[in-house]
N, C-alpha and C. Protein backbone atom coordinates (compact mmCIF):
# COMPACT_ATOMS: atom_id res chain seq x y z
N UNK A 1 108.19 98.91 80.41
CA UNK A 1 107.73 100.24 80.82
C UNK A 1 108.82 101.28 80.58
N UNK A 2 109.86 100.85 79.88
CA UNK A 2 110.92 101.79 79.60
C UNK A 2 111.94 101.83 80.72
N UNK A 3 112.84 102.77 80.62
CA UNK A 3 113.91 102.88 81.61
C UNK A 3 113.36 103.26 82.97
N UNK A 4 113.81 102.54 83.99
CA UNK A 4 113.33 102.82 85.34
C UNK A 4 113.84 104.17 85.82
N UNK A 5 112.96 104.85 86.53
CA UNK A 5 113.31 106.16 87.07
C UNK A 5 113.83 106.01 88.48
N UNK A 6 114.97 106.58 88.76
CA UNK A 6 115.51 106.55 90.11
C UNK A 6 115.53 107.98 90.66
N UNK A 7 114.68 108.22 91.64
CA UNK A 7 114.62 109.54 92.25
C UNK A 7 115.78 109.67 93.23
N UNK A 8 116.66 110.59 92.93
CA UNK A 8 117.87 110.72 93.73
C UNK A 8 117.59 111.58 94.96
N UNK A 9 116.81 111.05 95.88
CA UNK A 9 116.49 111.74 97.12
C UNK A 9 117.55 111.38 98.16
N UNK A 10 118.29 112.35 98.57
CA UNK A 10 119.34 112.11 99.57
C UNK A 10 118.71 112.13 100.96
N UNK A 11 117.86 111.17 101.23
CA UNK A 11 117.15 111.11 102.50
C UNK A 11 117.90 110.22 103.46
N UNK A 12 118.35 110.79 104.53
CA UNK A 12 118.97 110.02 105.60
C UNK A 12 118.00 109.85 106.76
N UNK A 13 117.28 110.94 107.10
CA UNK A 13 116.20 110.88 108.07
C UNK A 13 114.91 111.11 107.31
N UNK A 14 113.93 110.23 107.50
CA UNK A 14 112.70 110.33 106.73
C UNK A 14 111.97 111.63 107.03
N UNK A 15 111.38 112.22 106.02
CA UNK A 15 110.70 113.51 106.17
C UNK A 15 109.54 113.44 107.16
N UNK A 16 108.99 112.23 107.38
CA UNK A 16 107.90 112.10 108.33
C UNK A 16 108.35 112.38 109.76
N UNK A 17 109.65 112.29 110.02
CA UNK A 17 110.13 112.48 111.38
C UNK A 17 110.95 113.74 111.58
N UNK A 18 111.18 114.51 110.51
CA UNK A 18 112.06 115.68 110.61
C UNK A 18 111.58 116.68 111.65
N UNK A 19 110.30 117.07 111.58
CA UNK A 19 109.79 118.08 112.51
C UNK A 19 109.80 117.57 113.95
N UNK A 20 109.34 116.31 114.15
CA UNK A 20 109.29 115.78 115.51
C UNK A 20 110.67 115.69 116.14
N UNK A 21 111.64 115.23 115.35
CA UNK A 21 113.00 115.09 115.88
C UNK A 21 113.62 116.45 116.18
N UNK A 22 113.38 117.43 115.32
CA UNK A 22 113.95 118.76 115.53
C UNK A 22 113.36 119.43 116.76
N UNK A 23 112.02 119.40 116.87
CA UNK A 23 111.37 120.05 118.01
C UNK A 23 111.76 119.38 119.31
N UNK A 24 111.74 118.04 119.32
CA UNK A 24 112.09 117.32 120.55
C UNK A 24 113.54 117.57 120.95
N UNK A 25 114.43 117.67 119.96
CA UNK A 25 115.84 117.93 120.27
C UNK A 25 116.00 119.31 120.90
N UNK A 26 115.29 120.31 120.39
CA UNK A 26 115.36 121.66 120.95
C UNK A 26 114.83 121.70 122.38
N UNK A 27 113.72 120.98 122.60
CA UNK A 27 113.15 120.94 123.96
C UNK A 27 114.12 120.26 124.92
N UNK A 28 114.68 119.13 124.51
CA UNK A 28 115.62 118.42 125.37
C UNK A 28 116.87 119.26 125.65
N UNK A 29 117.34 119.96 124.63
CA UNK A 29 118.52 120.81 124.82
C UNK A 29 118.21 121.93 125.81
N UNK A 30 117.00 122.51 125.70
CA UNK A 30 116.63 123.58 126.61
C UNK A 30 116.53 123.12 128.05
N UNK A 31 115.87 121.97 128.25
CA UNK A 31 115.74 121.43 129.60
C UNK A 31 117.11 121.05 130.15
N UNK A 32 117.93 120.43 129.33
CA UNK A 32 119.27 120.05 129.76
C UNK A 32 120.10 121.26 130.16
N UNK A 33 119.98 122.34 129.40
CA UNK A 33 120.72 123.57 129.73
C UNK A 33 120.28 124.13 131.07
N UNK A 34 118.97 124.14 131.33
CA UNK A 34 118.46 124.63 132.61
C UNK A 34 118.95 123.78 133.77
N UNK A 35 118.93 122.47 133.60
CA UNK A 35 119.42 121.58 134.65
C UNK A 35 120.90 121.82 134.94
N UNK A 36 121.66 122.04 133.88
CA UNK A 36 123.10 122.26 134.04
C UNK A 36 123.38 123.59 134.76
N UNK A 37 122.60 124.62 134.44
CA UNK A 37 122.88 125.95 134.98
C UNK A 37 122.27 126.18 136.35
N UNK A 38 121.10 125.59 136.62
CA UNK A 38 120.35 125.95 137.81
C UNK A 38 120.46 124.97 138.97
N UNK A 39 120.88 123.75 138.69
CA UNK A 39 120.96 122.73 139.74
C UNK A 39 122.42 122.55 140.15
N UNK A 40 122.66 122.62 141.46
CA UNK A 40 124.03 122.55 141.95
C UNK A 40 124.71 121.22 141.61
N UNK A 41 124.02 120.11 141.90
CA UNK A 41 124.59 118.81 141.57
C UNK A 41 124.29 118.47 140.11
N UNK A 42 125.20 117.76 139.49
CA UNK A 42 125.03 117.42 138.07
C UNK A 42 124.34 116.08 137.87
N UNK A 43 123.96 115.42 138.96
CA UNK A 43 123.31 114.12 138.84
C UNK A 43 122.00 114.21 138.05
N UNK A 44 121.10 115.19 138.35
CA UNK A 44 119.86 115.30 137.55
C UNK A 44 120.13 115.51 136.06
N UNK A 45 121.16 116.33 135.77
CA UNK A 45 121.51 116.57 134.36
C UNK A 45 121.96 115.29 133.69
N UNK A 46 122.84 114.55 134.36
CA UNK A 46 123.36 113.30 133.79
C UNK A 46 122.25 112.28 133.60
N UNK A 47 121.37 112.17 134.60
CA UNK A 47 120.25 111.22 134.50
C UNK A 47 119.31 111.62 133.36
N UNK A 48 119.04 112.91 133.25
CA UNK A 48 118.16 113.40 132.18
C UNK A 48 118.74 113.10 130.81
N UNK A 49 120.01 113.39 130.62
CA UNK A 49 120.66 113.15 129.32
C UNK A 49 120.68 111.67 129.00
N UNK A 50 120.95 110.83 130.00
CA UNK A 50 121.04 109.39 129.77
C UNK A 50 119.69 108.81 129.35
N UNK A 51 118.63 109.19 130.06
CA UNK A 51 117.31 108.62 129.80
C UNK A 51 116.71 109.18 128.52
N UNK A 52 116.58 110.49 128.46
CA UNK A 52 115.90 111.09 127.31
C UNK A 52 116.78 111.12 126.07
N UNK A 53 118.09 111.12 126.27
CA UNK A 53 118.98 111.00 125.11
C UNK A 53 118.82 109.64 124.45
N UNK A 54 118.68 108.59 125.26
CA UNK A 54 118.48 107.24 124.72
C UNK A 54 117.14 107.16 123.98
N UNK A 55 116.10 107.78 124.56
CA UNK A 55 114.79 107.77 123.90
C UNK A 55 114.86 108.51 122.56
N UNK A 56 115.55 109.64 122.55
CA UNK A 56 115.67 110.41 121.31
C UNK A 56 116.45 109.62 120.25
N UNK A 57 117.47 108.90 120.66
CA UNK A 57 118.24 108.11 119.72
C UNK A 57 117.41 106.96 119.16
N UNK A 58 116.51 106.40 119.99
CA UNK A 58 115.61 105.35 119.49
C UNK A 58 114.68 105.92 118.43
N UNK A 59 114.19 107.15 118.66
CA UNK A 59 113.33 107.81 117.67
C UNK A 59 114.10 108.10 116.40
N UNK A 60 115.35 108.51 116.55
CA UNK A 60 116.19 108.77 115.38
C UNK A 60 116.39 107.49 114.58
N UNK A 61 116.62 106.39 115.26
CA UNK A 61 116.77 105.10 114.60
C UNK A 61 115.50 104.70 113.87
N UNK A 62 114.35 104.97 114.49
CA UNK A 62 113.07 104.63 113.89
C UNK A 62 112.83 105.38 112.58
N UNK A 63 113.23 106.65 112.54
CA UNK A 63 112.96 107.48 111.36
C UNK A 63 114.09 107.44 110.32
N UNK A 64 115.07 106.59 110.51
CA UNK A 64 116.14 106.53 109.52
C UNK A 64 115.58 106.03 108.19
N UNK A 65 116.18 106.48 107.12
CA UNK A 65 115.68 106.11 105.79
C UNK A 65 116.86 105.86 104.86
N UNK A 66 117.33 104.63 104.81
CA UNK A 66 118.51 104.32 103.99
C UNK A 66 118.25 104.60 102.51
N UNK A 67 119.30 105.03 101.83
CA UNK A 67 119.22 105.22 100.38
C UNK A 67 119.51 103.87 99.73
N UNK A 68 118.53 103.31 99.05
CA UNK A 68 118.66 101.98 98.46
C UNK A 68 118.23 101.97 97.00
N UNK A 69 118.94 101.18 96.21
CA UNK A 69 118.55 100.93 94.83
C UNK A 69 118.70 99.44 94.56
N UNK A 70 117.72 98.87 93.89
CA UNK A 70 117.78 97.45 93.57
C UNK A 70 118.73 97.24 92.40
N UNK A 71 119.65 96.32 92.56
CA UNK A 71 120.62 96.03 91.50
C UNK A 71 120.10 94.91 90.61
N UNK A 72 120.00 95.17 89.32
CA UNK A 72 119.58 94.14 88.37
C UNK A 72 118.24 94.45 87.73
N UNK A 73 117.85 93.56 86.84
CA UNK A 73 116.60 93.69 86.11
C UNK A 73 115.42 93.43 87.05
N UNK A 74 114.40 94.26 86.99
CA UNK A 74 113.24 94.11 87.89
C UNK A 74 112.05 93.43 87.20
N UNK A 75 112.19 93.07 85.94
CA UNK A 75 111.06 92.47 85.24
C UNK A 75 110.62 91.17 85.92
N UNK A 76 109.32 91.08 86.21
CA UNK A 76 108.68 89.90 86.82
C UNK A 76 109.04 89.72 88.30
N UNK A 77 109.86 90.61 88.86
CA UNK A 77 110.26 90.46 90.25
C UNK A 77 109.32 91.23 91.18
N UNK A 78 109.15 90.67 92.38
CA UNK A 78 108.43 91.36 93.45
C UNK A 78 109.42 91.48 94.61
N UNK A 79 109.74 92.71 94.99
CA UNK A 79 110.70 92.92 96.08
C UNK A 79 109.96 93.30 97.35
N UNK A 80 110.61 93.10 98.48
CA UNK A 80 110.00 93.41 99.77
C UNK A 80 109.68 94.90 99.86
N UNK A 81 108.43 95.24 100.21
CA UNK A 81 108.08 96.65 100.36
C UNK A 81 108.53 97.23 101.70
N UNK A 82 109.07 96.38 102.59
CA UNK A 82 109.42 96.86 103.92
C UNK A 82 110.51 96.01 104.56
N UNK A 83 111.21 96.59 105.51
CA UNK A 83 112.10 95.83 106.39
C UNK A 83 111.26 95.08 107.41
N UNK A 84 111.73 93.94 107.85
CA UNK A 84 110.99 93.18 108.87
C UNK A 84 111.24 91.70 108.74
N UNK A 85 110.19 90.93 109.03
CA UNK A 85 110.29 89.47 108.86
C UNK A 85 108.98 88.94 108.27
N UNK A 86 109.09 87.85 107.54
CA UNK A 86 107.94 87.23 106.90
C UNK A 86 107.08 86.52 107.96
N UNK A 87 105.79 86.88 108.01
CA UNK A 87 104.88 86.24 108.97
C UNK A 87 103.77 85.45 108.28
N UNK A 88 103.59 85.64 106.97
CA UNK A 88 102.58 84.88 106.22
C UNK A 88 103.11 84.60 104.82
N UNK A 89 103.04 83.33 104.41
CA UNK A 89 103.25 82.93 103.00
C UNK A 89 102.22 81.85 102.74
N UNK A 90 101.10 82.23 102.12
CA UNK A 90 100.02 81.26 101.94
C UNK A 90 99.02 81.74 100.89
N UNK A 91 98.21 80.80 100.43
CA UNK A 91 97.08 81.16 99.58
C UNK A 91 95.96 81.66 100.48
N UNK A 92 95.37 82.79 100.12
CA UNK A 92 94.33 83.39 100.95
C UNK A 92 93.23 83.98 100.08
N UNK A 93 92.02 83.93 100.58
CA UNK A 93 90.89 84.55 99.89
C UNK A 93 91.00 86.06 100.02
N UNK A 94 90.90 86.76 98.90
CA UNK A 94 90.88 88.21 98.91
C UNK A 94 89.53 88.64 98.32
N UNK A 95 88.63 89.08 99.18
CA UNK A 95 87.25 89.30 98.77
C UNK A 95 86.88 90.76 98.56
N UNK A 96 87.81 91.67 98.78
CA UNK A 96 87.49 93.08 98.58
C UNK A 96 87.58 93.49 97.11
N UNK A 97 88.55 92.95 96.39
CA UNK A 97 88.78 93.35 95.01
C UNK A 97 88.81 92.16 94.03
N UNK A 98 89.56 91.12 94.37
CA UNK A 98 89.75 90.01 93.44
C UNK A 98 88.65 88.97 93.53
N UNK A 99 88.11 88.76 94.74
CA UNK A 99 87.06 87.77 94.97
C UNK A 99 87.51 86.37 94.54
N UNK A 100 88.75 86.08 94.84
CA UNK A 100 89.30 84.75 94.60
C UNK A 100 90.55 84.57 95.45
N UNK A 101 91.23 83.46 95.28
CA UNK A 101 92.43 83.21 96.06
C UNK A 101 93.63 83.91 95.45
N UNK A 102 94.50 84.37 96.32
CA UNK A 102 95.74 85.02 95.93
C UNK A 102 96.89 84.47 96.77
N UNK A 103 98.10 84.61 96.27
CA UNK A 103 99.27 84.32 97.08
C UNK A 103 99.52 85.53 97.95
N UNK A 104 99.44 85.32 99.26
CA UNK A 104 99.60 86.42 100.22
C UNK A 104 100.95 86.29 100.93
N UNK A 105 101.72 87.36 100.89
CA UNK A 105 103.00 87.42 101.60
C UNK A 105 102.96 88.64 102.50
N UNK A 106 103.19 88.42 103.81
CA UNK A 106 103.09 89.51 104.78
C UNK A 106 104.41 89.72 105.50
N UNK A 107 104.73 90.99 105.73
CA UNK A 107 105.96 91.37 106.43
C UNK A 107 105.57 92.16 107.68
N UNK A 108 106.06 91.71 108.83
CA UNK A 108 105.82 92.43 110.09
C UNK A 108 107.02 93.30 110.41
N UNK A 109 106.75 94.56 110.75
CA UNK A 109 107.80 95.51 111.10
C UNK A 109 107.74 95.80 112.59
N UNK A 110 108.82 95.58 113.30
CA UNK A 110 108.89 95.94 114.71
C UNK A 110 109.28 97.41 114.82
N UNK A 111 109.14 98.01 116.01
CA UNK A 111 109.54 99.42 116.16
C UNK A 111 111.01 99.67 115.86
N UNK A 112 111.83 98.62 115.83
CA UNK A 112 113.26 98.79 115.56
C UNK A 112 113.58 98.78 114.07
N UNK A 113 112.63 98.40 113.23
CA UNK A 113 112.86 98.35 111.79
C UNK A 113 112.72 99.72 111.14
N UNK A 114 113.33 99.87 109.96
CA UNK A 114 113.04 101.02 109.10
C UNK A 114 111.56 100.95 108.73
N UNK A 115 110.86 102.06 108.79
CA UNK A 115 109.42 102.03 108.52
C UNK A 115 109.01 102.72 107.23
N UNK A 116 109.98 103.07 106.40
CA UNK A 116 109.65 103.50 105.05
C UNK A 116 109.16 102.29 104.26
N UNK A 117 108.23 102.51 103.34
CA UNK A 117 107.70 101.44 102.48
C UNK A 117 108.03 101.76 101.03
N UNK A 118 108.40 100.73 100.28
CA UNK A 118 108.75 100.88 98.86
C UNK A 118 107.72 100.17 97.98
N UNK A 119 107.62 100.59 96.72
CA UNK A 119 106.80 99.86 95.76
C UNK A 119 107.44 98.51 95.51
N UNK A 120 106.66 97.42 95.55
CA UNK A 120 107.23 96.09 95.35
C UNK A 120 107.44 95.71 93.89
N UNK A 121 106.75 96.40 92.98
CA UNK A 121 106.85 96.10 91.55
C UNK A 121 106.85 97.39 90.75
N UNK A 122 107.34 97.29 89.51
CA UNK A 122 107.16 98.38 88.55
C UNK A 122 105.75 98.29 87.99
N UNK A 123 105.14 99.41 87.67
CA UNK A 123 103.80 99.37 87.08
C UNK A 123 103.11 100.70 87.12
N UNK A 124 101.78 100.63 87.20
CA UNK A 124 100.94 101.83 87.26
C UNK A 124 99.95 101.68 88.40
N UNK A 125 99.81 102.73 89.21
CA UNK A 125 98.88 102.70 90.33
C UNK A 125 97.45 102.83 89.80
N UNK A 126 96.65 101.81 90.07
CA UNK A 126 95.25 101.84 89.62
C UNK A 126 94.39 102.65 90.58
N UNK A 127 94.59 102.45 91.88
CA UNK A 127 93.86 103.24 92.87
C UNK A 127 94.54 103.11 94.23
N UNK A 128 94.20 104.05 95.11
CA UNK A 128 94.65 104.03 96.51
C UNK A 128 93.43 104.29 97.38
N UNK A 129 93.20 103.44 98.37
CA UNK A 129 92.05 103.58 99.26
C UNK A 129 92.49 103.44 100.71
N UNK A 130 91.92 104.27 101.58
CA UNK A 130 92.23 104.22 103.01
C UNK A 130 90.98 103.81 103.78
N UNK A 131 91.17 102.93 104.77
CA UNK A 131 90.06 102.42 105.57
C UNK A 131 90.37 102.60 107.05
N UNK A 132 89.42 103.17 107.78
CA UNK A 132 89.55 103.24 109.24
C UNK A 132 89.27 101.86 109.83
N UNK A 133 89.74 101.63 111.05
CA UNK A 133 89.52 100.32 111.65
C UNK A 133 90.10 100.23 113.04
N UNK A 134 90.31 98.99 113.48
CA UNK A 134 90.83 98.72 114.82
C UNK A 134 92.35 98.77 114.82
N UNK A 135 92.92 98.45 115.99
CA UNK A 135 94.37 98.44 116.14
C UNK A 135 94.80 97.16 116.84
N UNK A 136 94.40 96.01 116.24
CA UNK A 136 94.86 94.73 116.76
C UNK A 136 96.37 94.62 116.55
N UNK A 137 96.99 93.71 117.27
CA UNK A 137 98.40 93.44 117.04
C UNK A 137 98.61 93.06 115.58
N UNK A 138 99.61 93.65 114.95
CA UNK A 138 99.75 93.57 113.50
C UNK A 138 99.98 92.16 112.98
N UNK A 139 100.56 91.27 113.80
CA UNK A 139 100.86 89.93 113.30
C UNK A 139 99.64 89.00 113.34
N UNK A 140 98.53 89.42 113.94
CA UNK A 140 97.34 88.58 113.98
C UNK A 140 96.67 88.52 112.61
N UNK A 141 96.11 87.37 112.21
CA UNK A 141 95.47 87.25 110.89
C UNK A 141 94.36 88.27 110.67
N UNK A 142 93.56 88.55 111.71
CA UNK A 142 92.42 89.46 111.54
C UNK A 142 92.86 90.90 111.32
N UNK A 143 94.12 91.21 111.60
CA UNK A 143 94.60 92.58 111.42
C UNK A 143 94.51 93.02 109.97
N UNK A 144 94.69 92.08 109.05
CA UNK A 144 94.69 92.41 107.62
C UNK A 144 93.38 93.04 107.18
N UNK A 145 92.26 92.58 107.76
CA UNK A 145 90.96 93.07 107.33
C UNK A 145 90.34 94.06 108.32
N UNK A 146 90.61 93.88 109.63
CA UNK A 146 89.91 94.68 110.63
C UNK A 146 90.67 95.93 111.07
N UNK A 147 91.98 95.95 110.92
CA UNK A 147 92.76 97.11 111.34
C UNK A 147 92.64 98.25 110.34
N UNK A 148 92.96 99.45 110.80
CA UNK A 148 93.09 100.56 109.86
C UNK A 148 94.15 100.19 108.82
N UNK A 149 93.84 100.42 107.54
CA UNK A 149 94.79 100.05 106.50
C UNK A 149 94.61 100.91 105.27
N UNK A 150 95.62 100.89 104.43
CA UNK A 150 95.58 101.60 103.14
C UNK A 150 95.94 100.61 102.05
N UNK A 151 95.11 100.56 101.00
CA UNK A 151 95.31 99.63 99.89
C UNK A 151 95.78 100.37 98.65
N UNK A 152 96.84 99.85 98.04
CA UNK A 152 97.34 100.39 96.77
C UNK A 152 97.35 99.26 95.75
N UNK A 153 96.58 99.43 94.69
CA UNK A 153 96.53 98.43 93.61
C UNK A 153 97.45 98.87 92.48
N UNK A 154 98.35 97.96 92.09
CA UNK A 154 99.31 98.25 91.03
C UNK A 154 99.12 97.26 89.89
N UNK A 155 99.14 97.76 88.67
CA UNK A 155 99.09 96.89 87.48
C UNK A 155 100.47 96.89 86.85
N UNK A 156 101.05 95.71 86.70
CA UNK A 156 102.39 95.59 86.13
C UNK A 156 102.34 95.83 84.62
N UNK A 157 103.49 96.02 83.97
CA UNK A 157 103.51 96.27 82.52
C UNK A 157 102.83 95.18 81.70
N UNK A 158 102.81 93.92 82.20
CA UNK A 158 102.17 92.85 81.43
C UNK A 158 100.74 92.57 81.91
N UNK A 159 100.17 93.49 82.69
CA UNK A 159 98.75 93.41 83.03
C UNK A 159 98.40 92.64 84.29
N UNK A 160 99.39 92.19 85.07
CA UNK A 160 99.10 91.50 86.32
C UNK A 160 98.86 92.51 87.43
N UNK A 161 97.92 92.18 88.32
CA UNK A 161 97.56 93.11 89.39
C UNK A 161 98.15 92.66 90.73
N UNK A 162 98.74 93.62 91.42
CA UNK A 162 99.38 93.38 92.71
C UNK A 162 98.77 94.36 93.71
N UNK A 163 98.28 93.82 94.82
CA UNK A 163 97.71 94.65 95.87
C UNK A 163 98.69 94.76 97.04
N UNK A 164 98.97 95.99 97.46
CA UNK A 164 99.82 96.24 98.61
C UNK A 164 98.96 96.86 99.71
N UNK A 165 98.96 96.25 100.88
CA UNK A 165 98.13 96.73 101.99
C UNK A 165 99.02 97.13 103.17
N UNK A 166 99.03 98.41 103.48
CA UNK A 166 99.73 98.93 104.66
C UNK A 166 98.77 98.84 105.85
N UNK A 167 99.19 98.21 106.92
CA UNK A 167 98.30 97.93 108.04
C UNK A 167 98.84 98.55 109.33
N UNK A 168 97.99 99.29 110.02
CA UNK A 168 98.36 99.82 111.33
C UNK A 168 98.33 98.71 112.36
N UNK A 169 99.18 98.82 113.38
CA UNK A 169 99.23 97.81 114.43
C UNK A 169 98.75 98.35 115.75
N UNK A 170 99.05 97.63 116.82
CA UNK A 170 98.61 98.03 118.15
C UNK A 170 99.25 99.36 118.57
N UNK A 171 100.47 99.62 118.08
CA UNK A 171 101.16 100.86 118.43
C UNK A 171 101.04 101.90 117.32
N UNK A 172 101.01 101.44 116.08
CA UNK A 172 100.95 102.38 114.95
C UNK A 172 99.64 103.13 114.94
N UNK A 173 99.71 104.44 114.70
CA UNK A 173 98.51 105.26 114.66
C UNK A 173 98.46 106.15 113.44
N UNK A 174 99.39 105.95 112.53
CA UNK A 174 99.37 106.78 111.33
C UNK A 174 99.96 106.04 110.15
N UNK A 175 99.18 105.95 109.09
CA UNK A 175 99.64 105.37 107.83
C UNK A 175 99.74 106.50 106.81
N UNK A 176 100.89 106.62 106.18
CA UNK A 176 101.08 107.63 105.14
C UNK A 176 101.28 106.91 103.82
N UNK A 177 100.54 107.29 102.79
CA UNK A 177 100.68 106.69 101.47
C UNK A 177 100.98 107.79 100.46
N UNK A 178 102.10 107.66 99.75
CA UNK A 178 102.49 108.65 98.75
C UNK A 178 101.96 108.30 97.36
N UNK A 179 101.59 107.05 97.16
CA UNK A 179 101.09 106.62 95.85
C UNK A 179 99.85 107.41 95.46
N UNK A 180 99.70 107.73 94.19
CA UNK A 180 98.56 108.48 93.68
C UNK A 180 97.92 107.72 92.52
N UNK A 181 96.60 107.80 92.45
CA UNK A 181 95.87 107.13 91.38
C UNK A 181 96.42 107.54 90.01
N UNK A 182 96.69 106.55 89.16
CA UNK A 182 97.06 106.81 87.78
C UNK A 182 98.53 107.07 87.53
N UNK A 183 99.35 107.19 88.57
CA UNK A 183 100.76 107.48 88.33
C UNK A 183 101.55 106.20 88.10
N UNK A 184 102.63 106.32 87.34
CA UNK A 184 103.53 105.20 87.17
C UNK A 184 104.38 105.06 88.42
N UNK A 185 104.70 103.84 88.77
CA UNK A 185 105.49 103.59 89.97
C UNK A 185 106.60 102.61 89.66
N UNK A 186 107.65 102.68 90.44
CA UNK A 186 108.84 101.88 90.17
C UNK A 186 109.44 101.37 91.48
N UNK A 187 109.97 100.17 91.42
CA UNK A 187 110.84 99.70 92.49
C UNK A 187 111.91 100.77 92.71
N UNK A 188 112.30 100.99 93.95
CA UNK A 188 113.23 102.03 94.41
C UNK A 188 112.51 103.28 94.88
N UNK A 189 111.23 103.46 94.52
CA UNK A 189 110.49 104.64 94.96
C UNK A 189 109.70 104.33 96.23
N UNK A 190 109.50 105.34 97.04
CA UNK A 190 108.74 105.18 98.27
C UNK A 190 107.25 105.14 98.02
N UNK A 191 106.61 104.09 98.54
CA UNK A 191 105.15 103.99 98.50
C UNK A 191 104.53 104.74 99.67
N UNK A 192 105.19 104.73 100.83
CA UNK A 192 104.64 105.40 102.00
C UNK A 192 105.47 105.17 103.23
N UNK A 193 104.82 105.34 104.40
CA UNK A 193 105.49 105.23 105.68
C UNK A 193 104.45 104.87 106.72
N UNK A 194 104.82 104.00 107.68
CA UNK A 194 103.92 103.65 108.78
C UNK A 194 104.65 103.89 110.09
N UNK A 195 104.06 104.66 110.99
CA UNK A 195 104.73 104.99 112.24
C UNK A 195 104.54 103.88 113.27
N UNK A 196 105.65 103.50 113.89
CA UNK A 196 105.72 102.44 114.91
C UNK A 196 105.41 101.07 114.32
N UNK A 197 105.19 100.05 115.18
CA UNK A 197 105.05 98.68 114.72
C UNK A 197 103.88 98.50 113.77
N UNK A 198 104.04 97.72 112.74
CA UNK A 198 103.00 97.60 111.73
C UNK A 198 103.31 96.45 110.78
N UNK A 199 102.57 96.40 109.68
CA UNK A 199 102.68 95.25 108.78
C UNK A 199 102.31 95.67 107.36
N UNK A 200 102.89 94.97 106.38
CA UNK A 200 102.54 95.19 104.97
C UNK A 200 102.21 93.84 104.35
N UNK A 201 101.03 93.73 103.73
CA UNK A 201 100.61 92.53 103.01
C UNK A 201 100.74 92.78 101.51
N UNK A 202 101.17 91.76 100.79
CA UNK A 202 101.23 91.83 99.32
C UNK A 202 100.42 90.66 98.78
N UNK A 203 99.42 90.95 97.95
CA UNK A 203 98.58 89.92 97.32
C UNK A 203 98.98 89.79 95.86
N UNK A 204 99.36 88.56 95.48
CA UNK A 204 99.87 88.28 94.15
C UNK A 204 99.02 87.23 93.46
N UNK A 205 99.09 87.15 92.13
CA UNK A 205 98.40 86.05 91.43
C UNK A 205 98.91 84.70 91.93
N UNK A 206 98.04 83.68 91.90
CA UNK A 206 98.44 82.35 92.36
C UNK A 206 99.57 81.77 91.52
N UNK A 207 99.72 82.27 90.32
CA UNK A 207 100.79 81.77 89.45
C UNK A 207 102.17 82.27 89.88
N UNK A 208 102.21 83.26 90.77
CA UNK A 208 103.50 83.77 91.25
C UNK A 208 104.17 82.72 92.13
N UNK A 209 105.49 82.75 92.15
CA UNK A 209 106.26 81.80 92.95
C UNK A 209 106.93 82.53 94.11
N UNK A 210 106.61 82.13 95.33
CA UNK A 210 107.21 82.74 96.51
C UNK A 210 108.69 82.42 96.59
N UNK A 211 109.49 83.39 96.99
CA UNK A 211 110.94 83.20 97.11
C UNK A 211 111.41 83.38 98.55
N UNK A 212 110.46 83.43 99.49
CA UNK A 212 110.80 83.61 100.90
C UNK A 212 110.07 82.56 101.72
N UNK A 213 110.51 82.40 102.97
CA UNK A 213 109.90 81.44 103.88
C UNK A 213 109.53 82.15 105.19
N UNK A 214 108.74 81.46 106.01
CA UNK A 214 108.30 82.02 107.28
C UNK A 214 109.48 82.44 108.15
N UNK A 215 109.33 83.59 108.79
CA UNK A 215 110.30 84.16 109.73
C UNK A 215 111.60 84.62 109.07
N UNK A 216 111.64 84.59 107.76
CA UNK A 216 112.83 85.09 107.07
C UNK A 216 112.89 86.62 107.17
N UNK A 217 114.03 87.18 107.52
CA UNK A 217 114.15 88.65 107.55
C UNK A 217 114.14 89.22 106.14
N UNK A 218 113.60 90.41 106.00
CA UNK A 218 113.55 91.08 104.71
C UNK A 218 114.17 92.46 104.81
N UNK A 219 114.71 92.91 103.70
CA UNK A 219 115.21 94.27 103.57
C UNK A 219 114.41 94.95 102.47
N UNK A 220 113.75 96.04 102.82
CA UNK A 220 112.92 96.74 101.85
C UNK A 220 113.69 97.16 100.61
N UNK A 221 113.10 96.95 99.44
CA UNK A 221 113.68 97.31 98.15
C UNK A 221 114.91 96.48 97.79
N UNK A 222 115.18 95.40 98.54
CA UNK A 222 116.34 94.57 98.27
C UNK A 222 115.99 93.09 98.18
N UNK A 223 115.20 92.58 99.11
CA UNK A 223 114.89 91.15 99.17
C UNK A 223 113.83 90.81 98.14
N UNK A 224 114.11 89.84 97.26
CA UNK A 224 113.11 89.36 96.30
C UNK A 224 112.17 88.41 97.05
N UNK A 225 110.89 88.75 97.12
CA UNK A 225 109.94 87.91 97.86
C UNK A 225 109.15 86.99 96.94
N UNK A 226 109.09 87.30 95.64
CA UNK A 226 108.34 86.45 94.71
C UNK A 226 108.73 86.77 93.28
N UNK A 227 108.37 85.84 92.38
CA UNK A 227 108.56 86.05 90.94
C UNK A 227 107.23 85.81 90.26
N UNK A 228 106.83 86.77 89.43
CA UNK A 228 105.58 86.65 88.68
C UNK A 228 105.77 85.74 87.49
N UNK A 229 104.69 85.09 87.07
CA UNK A 229 104.77 84.16 85.93
C UNK A 229 104.97 84.94 84.65
């Protein structure tokens, strides 16, 4: 597909959280200032800063977006689309598009993980579809089909099709997908973002060879999860 494109986005905090973090910081600063100026004892101020400062730092951690580039040749490789841990490595029936068995690899993201999602392969986006649904716990098998999810189908340069499914969880209430129908996509580029705990499924041809095992931690855009034939 030619030379890979690396978008030099100097993102430290993901754009999905910029407004929320800024507004909440201003509100907390305002309340903290009032407590400091209007209350004789400083105990309420200290308690407020300790509790809500910790909550704000957790939100900051959630929206962090490391700058990552995969080192090496990406041909035939499938890299982890998300940080988290492997919860499924198995052959599974995929009846929405392929109507046959596929190698399914799933990554569960806890609220403590980076929640940016990357393209797992180089290729071309065939389509992107969003489906409303339930909010079962993301690690449950039925979450893949019954939960709200977004499907992105990618065709690799040699014609193999890879399905990436972003799945909302019990806490997640928003799936963002940046992929667009017909555009070329590359490892190192952001596919989307899922707020709070969630999961990403990758459906590969049965000829692909899994390179990860159950409960193995993954790093998005870095961990090789499979090799295509």
